[in-house]
């Protein structure tokens, strides 16, 4: 069992997501950074259990009442076990009574904690991912217990670490494909949108809001399908990028669709960070 001593800023349980329910208005949810999520499972050799603890900006403080092995992936947070510093992408063995402390992210935004036991969490529409009001909780709270089903996998008492390219945590470039309504943009905006940097004004699991200098006339259109990574533009020029908990349809022009790789880059960005769009068809020269 894990005891939540301090829940951190926004800590939840996530898995691969709810696949096949978007036609009912249910977002996919699941881990925001699928690259880090997949790495965590690969490091522990876990193939059947997909639940992880996703931490945002400031991580939790957790007391482990039974031994286990865990790994941290994704954003780099200040991290200790019993006040001893630990690193990402490293298999860590914990004993009963050990305390894992994660604090502020120093590189990236979202960190994943994966243990070698199956976390027990209510399964709703085939997924353990938190998404309120569909699930009872949106986030973990102080005092919450996290139970698990013990794995028969032998705990390796020696820690190991791999070399891993996490440069994407610092990247600002988002590769995109043109969306269905890209042509509603004027030729000038179509050129400029690939040359400028844009500042993230707000973000959460539902999506990102990005400031832009562009404005355009309202477009009369029916609502269309929106999926994680879809970029819409409002008449005022604000760019709305759908997240994994975001709506499944929208009424603003869909000008871009982020690639899976670009989505992993985006979800590690926080308010105030700058992003740039790069076209898969052509990579225009950026402004100095």
C-alpha atoms as a PDB file:
ATOM      1  CA  UNK A   1       0.000   0.000   0.000  1.00  0.00           C
ATOM      2  CA  UNK A   2       1.031   3.611  -0.663  1.00  0.00           C
ATOM      3  CA  UNK A   3       0.017   6.428   1.691  1.00  0.00           C
ATOM      4  CA  UNK A   4      -0.323   9.898   0.183  1.00  0.00           C
ATOM      5  CA  UNK A   5       1.347  12.247   2.686  1.00  0.00           C
ATOM      6  CA  UNK A   6       1.251  15.236   0.326  1.00  0.00           C
ATOM      7  CA  UNK A   7      -0.606  15.071  -2.972  1.00  0.00           C
ATOM      8  CA  UNK A   8       1.470  17.663  -4.818  1.00  0.00           C
ATOM      9  CA  UNK A   9      -0.012  20.085  -7.337  1.00  0.00           C
ATOM     10  CA  UNK A  10      -2.035  17.784  -9.631  1.00  0.00           C
ATOM     11  CA  UNK A  11      -1.434  14.071  -9.173  1.00  0.00           C
ATOM     12  CA  UNK A  12      -3.657  11.411 -10.695  1.00  0.00           C
ATOM     13  CA  UNK A  13      -3.740   7.798 -11.795  1.00  0.00           C
ATOM     14  CA  UNK A  14      -3.621   7.325 -15.558  1.00  0.00           C
ATOM     15  CA  UNK A  15      -3.305   4.440 -17.981  1.00  0.00           C
ATOM     16  CA  UNK A  16      -3.509   4.035 -21.761  1.00  0.00           C
ATOM     17  CA  UNK A  17      -6.907   5.778 -21.816  1.00  0.00           C
ATOM     18  CA  UNK A  18     -10.513   5.071 -22.797  1.00  0.00           C
ATOM     19  CA  UNK A  19     -10.513   3.902 -26.374  1.00  0.00           C
ATOM     20  CA  UNK A  20     -13.724   3.613 -28.369  1.00  0.00           C
ATOM     21  CA  UNK A  21     -16.069   5.993 -26.526  1.00  0.00           C
ATOM     22  CA  UNK A  22     -15.472   9.309 -28.261  1.00  0.00           C
ATOM     23  CA  UNK A  23     -18.730   8.920 -30.206  1.00  0.00           C
ATOM     24  CA  UNK A  24     -20.467   9.104 -26.814  1.00  0.00           C
ATOM     25  CA  UNK A  25     -18.674  12.333 -25.918  1.00  0.00           C
ATOM     26  CA  UNK A  26     -16.140  10.626 -23.631  1.00  0.00           C
ATOM     27  CA  UNK A  27     -12.539  11.897 -24.009  1.00  0.00           C
ATOM     28  CA  UNK A  28      -9.741   9.384 -24.254  1.00  0.00           C
ATOM     29  CA  UNK A  29      -7.954  10.605 -21.066  1.00  0.00           C
ATOM     30  CA  UNK A  30      -4.900   8.544 -20.089  1.00  0.00           C
ATOM     31  CA  UNK A  31      -1.278   9.636 -19.768  1.00  0.00           C
ATOM     32  CA  UNK A  32      -0.507  13.029 -21.299  1.00  0.00           C
ATOM     33  CA  UNK A  33       3.072  12.077 -22.296  1.00  0.00           C
ATOM     34  CA  UNK A  34       2.776   8.698 -23.986  1.00  0.00           C
ATOM     35  CA  UNK A  35       6.522   8.524 -24.631  1.00  0.00           C
ATOM     36  CA  UNK A  36       7.373   8.754 -20.930  1.00  0.00           C
ATOM     37  CA  UNK A  37       4.445   6.472 -20.069  1.00  0.00           C
ATOM     38  CA  UNK A  38       5.661   3.739 -22.431  1.00  0.00           C
ATOM     39  CA  UNK A  39       9.256   4.071 -21.222  1.00  0.00           C
ATOM     40  CA  UNK A  40       8.191   3.498 -17.610  1.00  0.00           C
ATOM     41  CA  UNK A  41       6.629   0.165 -18.541  1.00  0.00           C
ATOM     42  CA  UNK A  42       9.606  -0.878 -20.638  1.00  0.00           C
ATOM     43  CA  UNK A  43      12.049  -0.165 -17.818  1.00  0.00           C
ATOM     44  CA  UNK A  44      10.169  -2.411 -15.407  1.00  0.00           C
ATOM     45  CA  UNK A  45       9.320  -5.063 -17.994  1.00  0.00           C
ATOM     46  CA  UNK A  46       5.605  -4.642 -17.268  1.00  0.00           C
ATOM     47  CA  UNK A  47       3.354  -5.860 -20.080  1.00  0.00           C
ATOM     48  CA  UNK A  48      -0.099  -6.368 -18.556  1.00  0.00           C
ATOM     49  CA  UNK A  49      -0.678  -3.554 -16.031  1.00  0.00           C
ATOM     50  CA  UNK A  50      -0.812  -0.052 -17.456  1.00  0.00           C
ATOM     51  CA  UNK A  51      -1.650   2.237 -14.515  1.00  0.00           C
ATOM     52  CA  UNK A  52       0.855   4.934 -13.553  1.00  0.00           C
ATOM     53  CA  UNK A  53       0.840   7.906 -11.209  1.00  0.00           C
ATOM     54  CA  UNK A  54       1.027  11.124 -13.243  1.00  0.00           C
ATOM     55  CA  UNK A  55       2.496  14.156 -11.430  1.00  0.00           C
ATOM     56  CA  UNK A  56       2.308  17.758 -12.650  1.00  0.00           C
ATOM     57  CA  UNK A  57       4.699  20.608 -11.769  1.00  0.00           C
ATOM     58  CA  UNK A  58       5.044  19.660  -8.067  1.00  0.00           C
ATOM     59  CA  UNK A  59       5.069  15.985  -7.218  1.00  0.00           C
ATOM     60  CA  UNK A  60       3.654  14.131  -4.222  1.00  0.00           C
ATOM     61  CA  UNK A  61       5.191  12.734  -1.046  1.00  0.00           C
ATOM     62  CA  UNK A  62       4.367   9.030  -0.725  1.00  0.00           C
ATOM     63  CA  UNK A  63       5.039   6.518   2.048  1.00  0.00           C
ATOM     64  CA  UNK A  64       5.350   2.887   0.956  1.00  0.00           C
ATOM     65  CA  UNK A  65       4.065   0.374   3.490  1.00  0.00           C
ATOM     66  CA  UNK A  66       5.324  -2.620   1.524  1.00  0.00           C
ATOM     67  CA  UNK A  67       8.424  -3.174  -0.618  1.00  0.00           C
ATOM     68  CA  UNK A  68       8.347  -2.540  -4.349  1.00  0.00           C
ATOM     69  CA  UNK A  69      10.407  -1.423  -7.301  1.00  0.00           C
ATOM     70  CA  UNK A  70       9.624   1.825  -9.105  1.00  0.00           C
ATOM     71  CA  UNK A  71      10.881   4.101 -11.836  1.00  0.00           C
ATOM     72  CA  UNK A  72      10.407   7.802 -12.644  1.00  0.00           C
ATOM     73  CA  UNK A  73      10.123   8.966 -16.252  1.00  0.00           C
ATOM     74  CA  UNK A  74       9.142  12.143 -18.083  1.00  0.00           C
ATOM     75  CA  UNK A  75       9.847  15.518 -16.499  1.00  0.00           C
ATOM     76  CA  UNK A  76      12.760  15.781 -14.094  1.00  0.00           C
ATOM     77  CA  UNK A  77      11.543  16.691 -10.618  1.00  0.00           C
ATOM     78  CA  UNK A  78      13.491  17.181  -7.442  1.00  0.00           C
ATOM     79  CA  UNK A  79      13.281  13.621  -6.094  1.00  0.00           C
ATOM     80  CA  UNK A  80      14.427  11.752  -3.000  1.00  0.00           C
ATOM     81  CA  UNK A  81      13.906   8.431  -1.241  1.00  0.00           C
ATOM     82  CA  UNK A  82      14.406   8.966   2.493  1.00  0.00           C
ATOM     83  CA  UNK A  83      16.208  12.259   1.665  1.00  0.00           C
ATOM     84  CA  UNK A  84      18.630  10.467  -0.704  1.00  0.00           C
ATOM     85  CA  UNK A  85      18.486  11.992  -4.223  1.00  0.00           C
ATOM     86  CA  UNK A  86      17.291   9.728  -7.028  1.00  0.00           C
ATOM     87  CA  UNK A  87      17.210  10.126 -10.809  1.00  0.00           C
ATOM     88  CA  UNK A  88      14.837   9.455 -13.669  1.00  0.00           C
ATOM     89  CA  UNK A  89      14.934   6.293 -15.777  1.00  0.00           C
ATOM     90  CA  UNK A  90      16.477   4.347 -12.911  1.00  0.00           C
ATOM     91  CA  UNK A  91      15.037   1.225 -11.295  1.00  0.00           C
ATOM     92  CA  UNK A  92      14.712   2.015  -7.571  1.00  0.00           C
ATOM     93  CA  UNK A  93      14.080  -0.593  -4.875  1.00  0.00           C
ATOM     94  CA  UNK A  94      12.020   0.575  -1.877  1.00  0.00           C
ATOM     95  CA  UNK A  95      11.526  -1.151   1.467  1.00  0.00           C
ATOM     96  CA  UNK A  96       8.510  -0.972   3.752  1.00  0.00           C
ATOM     97  CA  UNK A  97       8.432   2.453   5.403  1.00  0.00           C
ATOM     98  CA  UNK A  98      10.445   4.246   2.723  1.00  0.00           C
ATOM     99  CA  UNK A  99       9.256   7.711   1.688  1.00  0.00           C
ATOM    100  CA  UNK A 100       9.389   8.958  -1.891  1.00  0.00           C
ATOM    101  CA  UNK A 101       9.373  12.752  -2.162  1.00  0.00           C
ATOM    102  CA  UNK A 102       8.890  14.591  -5.463  1.00  0.00           C
ATOM    103  CA  UNK A 103       8.927  18.382  -5.506  1.00  0.00           C
ATOM    104  CA  UNK A 104       9.137  21.012  -8.257  1.00  0.00           C
ATOM    105  CA  UNK A 105       9.828  20.054 -11.859  1.00  0.00           C
ATOM    106  CA  UNK A 106      13.184  21.376 -13.053  1.00  0.00           C
ATOM    107  CA  UNK A 107      12.945  20.110 -16.631  1.00  0.00           C
ATOM    108  CA  UNK A 108       9.569  19.533 -18.253  1.00  0.00           C
ATOM    109  CA  UNK A 109       6.201  19.495 -16.500  1.00  0.00           C
ATOM    110  CA  UNK A 110       4.800  15.966 -16.080  1.00  0.00           C
ATOM    111  CA  UNK A 111       6.498  13.028 -14.344  1.00  0.00           C
ATOM    112  CA  UNK A 112       5.358   9.400 -14.193  1.00  0.00           C
ATOM    113  CA  UNK A 113       5.768   7.019 -11.252  1.00  0.00           C
ATOM    114  CA  UNK A 114       5.476   3.374 -12.230  1.00  0.00           C
ATOM    115  CA  UNK A 115       5.676   0.557  -9.689  1.00  0.00           C
ATOM    116  CA  UNK A 116       6.106  -3.145 -10.370  1.00  0.00           C
ATOM    117  CA  UNK A 117       2.691  -3.978  -8.882  1.00  0.00           C
ATOM    118  CA  UNK A 118      -0.755  -3.479 -10.377  1.00  0.00           C
ATOM    119  CA  UNK A 119      -2.418  -0.398  -8.866  1.00  0.00           C
ATOM    120  CA  UNK A 120      -5.999  -1.038  -7.776  1.00  0.00           C
ATOM    121  CA  UNK A 121      -8.235   1.708  -9.149  1.00  0.00           C
ATOM    122  CA  UNK A 122     -11.877   1.607 -10.319  1.00  0.00           C
ATOM    123  CA  UNK A 123     -12.188   0.614 -13.968  1.00  0.00           C
ATOM    124  CA  UNK A 124     -14.656   2.833 -15.830  1.00  0.00           C
ATOM    125  CA  UNK A 125     -15.282   2.124 -19.514  1.00  0.00           C
ATOM    126  CA  UNK A 126     -12.211  -0.061 -19.674  1.00  0.00           C
ATOM    127  CA  UNK A 127      -9.784   2.388 -18.050  1.00  0.00           C
ATOM    128  CA  UNK A 128      -8.484   3.319 -14.600  1.00  0.00           C
ATOM    129  CA  UNK A 129      -7.677   6.880 -15.726  1.00  0.00           C
ATOM    130  CA  UNK A 130      -9.010   9.624 -13.467  1.00  0.00           C
ATOM    131  CA  UNK A 131     -11.506  11.893 -15.217  1.00  0.00           C
ATOM    132  CA  UNK A 132     -14.179  13.558 -13.131  1.00  0.00           C
ATOM    133  CA  UNK A 133     -17.216  13.444 -13.333  1.00  0.00           C
ATOM    134  CA  UNK A 134     -16.840  10.050 -15.016  1.00  0.00           C
ATOM    135  CA  UNK A 135     -14.682   8.813 -12.133  1.00  0.00           C
ATOM    136  CA  UNK A 136     -15.108   9.655  -8.430  1.00  0.00           C
ATOM    137  CA  UNK A 137     -11.810  11.550  -8.274  1.00  0.00           C
ATOM    138  CA  UNK A 138      -9.965  13.995 -10.507  1.00  0.00           C
ATOM    139  CA  UNK A 139      -6.776  13.954  -8.424  1.00  0.00           C
ATOM    140  CA  UNK A 140      -5.261  12.189  -5.445  1.00  0.00           C
ATOM    141  CA  UNK A 141      -5.706  13.876  -2.067  1.00  0.00           C
ATOM    142  CA  UNK A 142      -3.680  13.884   1.144  1.00  0.00           C
ATOM    143  CA  UNK A 143      -4.429  10.743   3.153  1.00  0.00           C
ATOM    144  CA  UNK A 144      -5.633   8.699   0.166  1.00  0.00           C
ATOM    145  CA  UNK A 145      -4.383   5.110   0.230  1.00  0.00           C
ATOM    146  CA  UNK A 146      -3.247   3.510  -3.008  1.00  0.00           C
ATOM    147  CA  UNK A 147      -3.551  -0.264  -2.952  1.00  0.00           C
ATOM    148  CA  UNK A 148      -1.920  -2.706  -5.309  1.00  0.00           C
ATOM    149  CA  UNK A 149      -1.994  -6.345  -6.337  1.00  0.00           C
ATOM    150  CA  UNK A 150       1.372  -7.868  -5.586  1.00  0.00           C
ATOM    151  CA  UNK A 151       3.386  -8.969  -8.576  1.00  0.00           C
ATOM    152  CA  UNK A 152       5.222 -12.287  -8.710  1.00  0.00           C
ATOM    153  CA  UNK A 153       8.058 -10.496 -10.473  1.00  0.00           C
ATOM    154  CA  UNK A 154      11.251 -10.677  -8.423  1.00  0.00           C
ATOM    155  CA  UNK A 155      12.424  -7.297  -7.148  1.00  0.00           C
ATOM    156  CA  UNK A 156      15.918  -6.505  -8.326  1.00  0.00           C
ATOM    157  CA  UNK A 157      17.866  -5.099  -5.392  1.00  0.00           C
ATOM    158  CA  UNK A 158      20.482  -3.524  -7.653  1.00  0.00           C
ATOM    159  CA  UNK A 159      19.509  -0.272  -9.310  1.00  0.00           C
ATOM    160  CA  UNK A 160      20.060   0.142 -13.045  1.00  0.00           C
ATOM    161  CA  UNK A 161      19.871   3.144 -15.358  1.00  0.00           C
ATOM    162  CA  UNK A 162      19.632   3.498 -19.124  1.00  0.00           C
ATOM    163  CA  UNK A 163      20.775   6.206 -21.495  1.00  0.00           C
ATOM    164  CA  UNK A 164      17.678   7.978 -22.743  1.00  0.00           C
ATOM    165  CA  UNK A 165      17.282  10.937 -25.051  1.00  0.00           C
ATOM    166  CA  UNK A 166      14.962  13.295 -23.204  1.00  0.00           C
ATOM    167  CA  UNK A 167      15.884  16.355 -25.232  1.00  0.00           C
ATOM    168  CA  UNK A 168      12.233  16.569 -26.264  1.00  0.00           C
ATOM    169  CA  UNK A 169      11.547  17.996 -22.789  1.00  0.00           C
ATOM    170  CA  UNK A 170      13.365  21.180 -23.843  1.00  0.00           C
ATOM    171  CA  UNK A 171      12.236  21.292 -27.477  1.00  0.00           C
ATOM    172  CA  UNK A 172       9.936  24.106 -28.628  1.00  0.00           C
ATOM    173  CA  UNK A 173       9.154  22.752 -32.100  1.00  0.00           C
ATOM    174  CA  UNK A 174       5.805  21.110 -32.803  1.00  0.00           C
ATOM    175  CA  UNK A 175       5.470  19.202 -36.075  1.00  0.00           C
ATOM    176  CA  UNK A 176       1.977  19.545 -37.525  1.00  0.00           C
ATOM    177  CA  UNK A 177      -0.177  18.423 -40.406  1.00  0.00           C
ATOM    178  CA  UNK A 178      -2.619  20.849 -41.982  1.00  0.00           C
ATOM    179  CA  UNK A 179      -6.114  20.567 -40.543  1.00  0.00           C
ATOM    180  CA  UNK A 180      -9.432  20.415 -42.448  1.00  0.00           C
ATOM    181  CA  UNK A 181      -9.991  24.178 -42.176  1.00  0.00           C
ATOM    182  CA  UNK A 182      -6.396  25.353 -42.691  1.00  0.00           C
ATOM    183  CA  UNK A 183      -7.401  27.170 -45.872  1.00  0.00           C
ATOM    184  CA  UNK A 184      -9.690  29.578 -43.986  1.00  0.00           C
ATOM    185  CA  UNK A 185      -6.480  31.347 -42.938  1.00  0.00           C
ATOM    186  CA  UNK A 186      -5.345  34.167 -45.201  1.00  0.00           C
ATOM    187  CA  UNK A 187      -2.205  33.564 -47.240  1.00  0.00           C
ATOM    188  CA  UNK A 188      -0.373  36.004 -44.987  1.00  0.00           C
ATOM    189  CA  UNK A 189      -1.296  34.115 -41.816  1.00  0.00           C
ATOM    190  CA  UNK A 190      -0.500  30.784 -43.469  1.00  0.00           C
ATOM    191  CA  UNK A 191       3.049  32.039 -43.977  1.00  0.00           C
ATOM    192  CA  UNK A 192       3.499  33.869 -40.691  1.00  0.00           C
ATOM    193  CA  UNK A 193       2.160  31.088 -38.467  1.00  0.00           C
ATOM    194  CA  UNK A 194       5.198  28.969 -39.323  1.00  0.00           C
ATOM    195  CA  UNK A 195       7.654  31.808 -38.727  1.00  0.00           C
ATOM    196  CA  UNK A 196       6.642  33.093 -35.322  1.00  0.00           C
ATOM    197  CA  UNK A 197       6.914  31.785 -31.787  1.00  0.00           C
ATOM    198  CA  UNK A 198       3.761  31.615 -29.643  1.00  0.00           C
ATOM    199  CA  UNK A 199       3.447  31.883 -25.870  1.00  0.00           C
ATOM    200  CA  UNK A 200       1.388  29.405 -23.851  1.00  0.00           C
ATOM    201  CA  UNK A 201      -1.062  31.396 -21.723  1.00  0.00           C
ATOM    202  CA  UNK A 202      -2.698  28.501 -19.848  1.00  0.00           C
ATOM    203  CA  UNK A 203      -2.765  24.707 -19.832  1.00  0.00           C
ATOM    204  CA  UNK A 204      -4.289  21.681 -18.138  1.00  0.00           C
ATOM    205  CA  UNK A 205      -5.242  18.154 -19.085  1.00  0.00           C
ATOM    206  CA  UNK A 206      -8.155  19.475 -21.162  1.00  0.00           C
ATOM    207  CA  UNK A 207      -5.855  21.434 -23.421  1.00  0.00           C
ATOM    208  CA  UNK A 208      -3.566  24.376 -24.067  1.00  0.00           C
ATOM    209  CA  UNK A 209      -4.480  27.995 -24.779  1.00  0.00           C
ATOM    210  CA  UNK A 210      -1.866  29.827 -26.837  1.00  0.00           C
ATOM    211  CA  UNK A 211      -1.641  33.557 -27.529  1.00  0.00           C
ATOM    212  CA  UNK A 212      -1.214  34.693 -31.143  1.00  0.00           C
ATOM    213  CA  UNK A 213      -1.218  38.104 -32.877  1.00  0.00           C
ATOM    214  CA  UNK A 214      -3.636  36.941 -35.552  1.00  0.00           C
ATOM    215  CA  UNK A 215      -7.303  37.782 -35.846  1.00  0.00           C
ATOM    216  CA  UNK A 216      -9.832  36.673 -38.428  1.00  0.00           C
ATOM    217  CA  UNK A 217     -13.479  36.903 -39.323  1.00  0.00           C
ATOM    218  CA  UNK A 218     -15.867  34.416 -37.751  1.00  0.00           C
ATOM    219  CA  UNK A 219     -16.305  31.302 -39.865  1.00  0.00           C
ATOM    220  CA  UNK A 220     -19.741  29.706 -40.228  1.00  0.00           C
ATOM    221  CA  UNK A 221     -19.221  25.966 -39.837  1.00  0.00           C
ATOM    222  CA  UNK A 222     -20.660  22.882 -38.253  1.00  0.00           C
ATOM    223  CA  UNK A 223     -18.940  21.403 -35.224  1.00  0.00           C
ATOM    224  CA  UNK A 224     -16.274  18.907 -36.224  1.00  0.00           C
ATOM    225  CA  UNK A 225     -14.374  16.084 -34.569  1.00  0.00           C
ATOM    226  CA  UNK A 226     -11.541  17.132 -32.258  1.00  0.00           C
ATOM    227  CA  UNK A 227      -8.907  14.794 -30.875  1.00  0.00           C
ATOM    228  CA  UNK A 228      -5.815  15.283 -28.724  1.00  0.00           C
ATOM    229  CA  UNK A 229      -3.429  17.543 -30.591  1.00  0.00           C
ATOM    230  CA  UNK A 230      -6.062  19.280 -32.725  1.00  0.00           C
ATOM    231  CA  UNK A 231      -5.291  23.008 -33.036  1.00  0.00           C
ATOM    232  CA  UNK A 232      -8.246  25.374 -33.442  1.00  0.00           C
ATOM    233  CA  UNK A 233      -8.183  29.132 -33.934  1.00  0.00           C
ATOM    234  CA  UNK A 234     -10.758  31.565 -32.539  1.00  0.00           C
ATOM    235  CA  UNK A 235     -11.771  34.852 -34.240  1.00  0.00           C
ATOM    236  CA  UNK A 236      -9.557  36.736 -31.758  1.00  0.00           C
ATOM    237  CA  UNK A 237      -6.584  34.628 -32.834  1.00  0.00           C
ATOM    238  CA  UNK A 238      -6.257  32.479 -29.708  1.00  0.00           C
ATOM    239  CA  UNK A 239      -5.045  28.975 -30.510  1.00  0.00           C
ATOM    240  CA  UNK A 240      -6.765  26.125 -28.668  1.00  0.00           C
ATOM    241  CA  UNK A 241      -4.897  22.809 -28.606  1.00  0.00           C
ATOM    242  CA  UNK A 242      -6.955  19.850 -27.382  1.00  0.00           C
ATOM    243  CA  UNK A 243      -5.569  17.653 -24.602  1.00  0.00           C
ATOM    244  CA  UNK A 244      -6.410  14.084 -23.644  1.00  0.00           C
ATOM    245  CA  UNK A 245      -9.276  15.219 -21.373  1.00  0.00           C
ATOM    246  CA  UNK A 246     -10.502  17.757 -23.920  1.00  0.00           C
ATOM    247  CA  UNK A 247     -13.816  17.923 -25.745  1.00  0.00           C
ATOM    248  CA  UNK A 248     -14.422  15.533 -28.625  1.00  0.00           C
ATOM    249  CA  UNK A 249     -15.892  18.155 -30.970  1.00  0.00           C
ATOM    250  CA  UNK A 250     -15.492  21.883 -31.588  1.00  0.00           C
ATOM    251  CA  UNK A 251     -16.878  24.714 -33.647  1.00  0.00           C
ATOM    252  CA  UNK A 252     -13.698  26.652 -34.419  1.00  0.00           C
ATOM    253  CA  UNK A 253     -11.580  26.053 -37.551  1.00  0.00           C
ATOM    254  CA  UNK A 254      -9.169  23.144 -37.131  1.00  0.00           C
ATOM    255  CA  UNK A 255      -6.014  24.473 -38.699  1.00  0.00           C
ATOM    256  CA  UNK A 256      -3.478  21.885 -37.501  1.00  0.00           C
ATOM    257  CA  UNK A 257      -3.109  18.409 -36.090  1.00  0.00           C
ATOM    258  CA  UNK A 258      -0.036  17.761 -33.967  1.00  0.00           C
ATOM    259  CA  UNK A 259       1.889  14.551 -34.551  1.00  0.00           C
ATOM    260  CA  UNK A 260       2.124  12.107 -31.661  1.00  0.00           C
ATOM    261  CA  UNK A 261       5.738  13.160 -31.108  1.00  0.00           C
ATOM    262  CA  UNK A 262       4.758  16.841 -31.081  1.00  0.00           C
ATOM    263  CA  UNK A 263       1.992  16.172 -28.565  1.00  0.00           C
ATOM    264  CA  UNK A 264       4.533  14.614 -26.200  1.00  0.00           C
ATOM    265  CA  UNK A 265       6.642  17.770 -26.559  1.00  0.00           C
ATOM    266  CA  UNK A 266       3.688  20.073 -25.923  1.00  0.00           C
ATOM    267  CA  UNK A 267       2.409  18.399 -22.752  1.00  0.00           C
ATOM    268  CA  UNK A 268       5.760  18.973 -21.073  1.00  0.00           C
ATOM    269  CA  UNK A 269       5.369  22.743 -21.533  1.00  0.00           C
ATOM    270  CA  UNK A 270       4.008  25.150 -18.907  1.00  0.00           C
ATOM    271  CA  UNK A 271       2.510  28.647 -18.916  1.00  0.00           C
ATOM    272  CA  UNK A 272       4.917  31.219 -20.338  1.00  0.00           C
ATOM    273  CA  UNK A 273       6.837  28.750 -22.510  1.00  0.00           C
ATOM    274  CA  UNK A 274       7.180  29.452 -26.225  1.00  0.00           C
ATOM    275  CA  UNK A 275       6.298  27.006 -28.997  1.00  0.00           C
ATOM    276  CA  UNK A 276       6.762  27.011 -32.776  1.00  0.00           C
ATOM    277  CA  UNK A 277       4.906  25.103 -35.456  1.00  0.00           C
ATOM    278  CA  UNK A 278       6.787  23.251 -38.181  1.00  0.00           C
ATOM    279  CA  UNK A 279       5.041  21.783 -41.206  1.00  0.00           C
ATOM    280  CA  UNK A 280       5.606  18.179 -42.187  1.00  0.00           C
ATOM    281  CA  UNK A 281       5.403  19.273 -45.818  1.00  0.00           C
ATOM    282  CA  UNK A 282       7.949  22.051 -45.563  1.00  0.00           C
ATOM    283  CA  UNK A 283      10.085  23.529 -42.811  1.00  0.00           C
ATOM    284  CA  UNK A 284      10.060  27.310 -43.343  1.00  0.00           C
ATOM    285  CA  UNK A 285      12.916  29.520 -42.208  1.00  0.00           C
ATOM    286  CA  UNK A 286      12.327  30.731 -38.644  1.00  0.00           C
ATOM    287  CA  UNK A 287      12.668  34.328 -37.586  1.00  0.00           C
ATOM    288  CA  UNK A 288      15.985  35.037 -35.799  1.00  0.00           C
END
